[in-house]
């Protein structure tokens, strides 16, 4: 299988490996998502996270994010799913 040119263009190490994007106007992270959907292999560039905002500072912020985006987090490999996994997991909470 040929290597996807978007990997090099966005400086990604591989599929499903998120990376911070410091120079993007609005989104803080990018990932080239690859997954099977109905037996077909799909590849999609997903940008997620708000650039420059302070996220996951407290457990209350994390709970609010998860409550606000619960419907979208359930959707596998959606931007909300990636944000939940990368930016909002409990190990990344700054103040306990």
Protein backbone atom coordinates (compact mmCIF):
# COMPACT_ATOMS: atom_id res chain seq x y z
CA UNK A 1 0.00 0.00 0.00
CA UNK A 2 1.32 3.46 -0.89
CA UNK A 3 2.17 5.80 1.93
CA UNK A 4 -0.34 8.61 2.34
CA UNK A 5 1.23 12.00 1.36
CA UNK A 6 -0.71 13.74 4.14
CA UNK A 7 1.54 12.05 6.73
CA UNK A 8 4.59 13.97 5.51
CA UNK A 9 2.64 17.16 4.75
CA UNK A 10 1.40 17.47 8.33
CA UNK A 11 4.50 15.97 9.97
CA UNK A 12 2.68 12.95 11.39
CA UNK A 13 4.53 9.81 12.51
CA UNK A 14 1.74 7.49 11.39
CA UNK A 15 -1.97 6.85 11.24
CA UNK A 16 -3.97 7.39 14.45
CA UNK A 17 -1.06 9.25 16.07
CA UNK A 18 -2.21 12.75 17.09
CA UNK A 19 0.13 15.73 17.00
CA UNK A 20 -0.04 19.31 18.29
CA UNK A 21 -0.40 21.94 15.58
CA UNK A 22 1.02 25.20 16.97
CA UNK A 23 0.60 27.23 13.78
CA UNK A 24 -3.03 26.37 12.97
CA UNK A 25 -5.49 29.25 13.37
CA UNK A 26 -8.24 27.52 15.35
CA UNK A 27 -7.41 23.87 16.12
CA UNK A 28 -4.71 22.65 18.50
CA UNK A 29 -4.24 19.04 17.29
CA UNK A 30 -4.34 17.02 14.07
CA UNK A 31 -4.53 13.28 13.41
CA UNK A 32 -4.79 11.19 10.24
CA UNK A 33 -7.44 8.72 11.32
CA UNK A 34 -7.63 5.30 9.71
CA UNK A 35 -10.38 2.83 10.57
CA UNK A 36 -12.68 0.25 9.02
CA UNK A 37 -16.22 1.28 8.31
CA UNK A 38 -18.53 -1.34 6.83
CA UNK A 39 -15.59 -3.49 5.73
CA UNK A 40 -13.95 -0.57 3.91
CA UNK A 41 -10.74 1.10 5.09
CA UNK A 42 -11.31 4.86 5.56
CA UNK A 43 -8.65 7.54 6.03
CA UNK A 44 -9.62 11.02 7.20
CA UNK A 45 -7.72 14.08 8.43
CA UNK A 46 -9.24 15.29 11.68
CA UNK A 47 -8.44 18.54 13.46
CA UNK A 48 -9.63 18.92 17.04
CA UNK A 49 -9.19 21.01 20.19
CA UNK A 50 -9.37 24.73 20.62
CA UNK A 51 -6.12 26.60 19.94
CA UNK A 52 -4.86 28.63 22.90
CA UNK A 53 -7.50 27.64 25.43
CA UNK A 54 -6.71 26.27 28.89
CA UNK A 55 -8.25 22.80 28.96
CA UNK A 56 -8.37 20.06 31.55
CA UNK A 57 -7.29 22.27 34.44
CA UNK A 58 -9.65 20.71 36.99
CA UNK A 59 -11.76 17.57 37.34
CA UNK A 60 -14.88 19.79 37.12
CA UNK A 61 -13.80 21.06 33.69
CA UNK A 62 -13.28 17.47 32.54
CA UNK A 63 -16.73 16.42 33.75
CA UNK A 64 -18.32 19.43 32.02
CA UNK A 65 -16.58 18.61 28.71
CA UNK A 66 -17.65 14.97 28.87
CA UNK A 67 -21.25 15.93 29.69
CA UNK A 68 -21.38 18.57 26.94
CA UNK A 69 -19.97 16.26 24.24
CA UNK A 70 -21.27 12.87 25.41
CA UNK A 71 -23.19 12.17 22.17
CA UNK A 72 -20.17 12.91 19.99
CA UNK A 73 -17.60 11.12 22.16
CA UNK A 74 -19.50 7.89 21.56
CA UNK A 75 -18.88 8.19 17.80
CA UNK A 76 -15.67 6.27 17.12
CA UNK A 77 -12.78 8.39 15.78
CA UNK A 78 -14.79 11.65 15.71
CA UNK A 79 -13.10 14.93 16.65
CA UNK A 80 -14.79 14.78 20.08
CA UNK A 81 -13.56 11.18 20.53
CA UNK A 82 -9.97 12.27 19.80
CA UNK A 83 -10.24 15.33 22.09
CA UNK A 84 -11.57 13.11 24.88
CA UNK A 85 -8.69 10.68 24.42
CA UNK A 86 -5.85 13.18 23.93
CA UNK A 87 -6.76 16.39 25.76
CA UNK A 88 -9.32 15.39 28.39
CA UNK A 89 -8.09 12.11 29.91
CA UNK A 90 -7.64 12.06 33.70
CA UNK A 91 -3.85 11.77 33.57
CA UNK A 92 -3.62 15.18 31.88
CA UNK A 93 -5.55 17.06 34.58
CA UNK A 94 -3.23 19.76 35.90
CA UNK A 95 -4.70 20.33 39.36
CA UNK A 96 -5.99 17.38 41.32
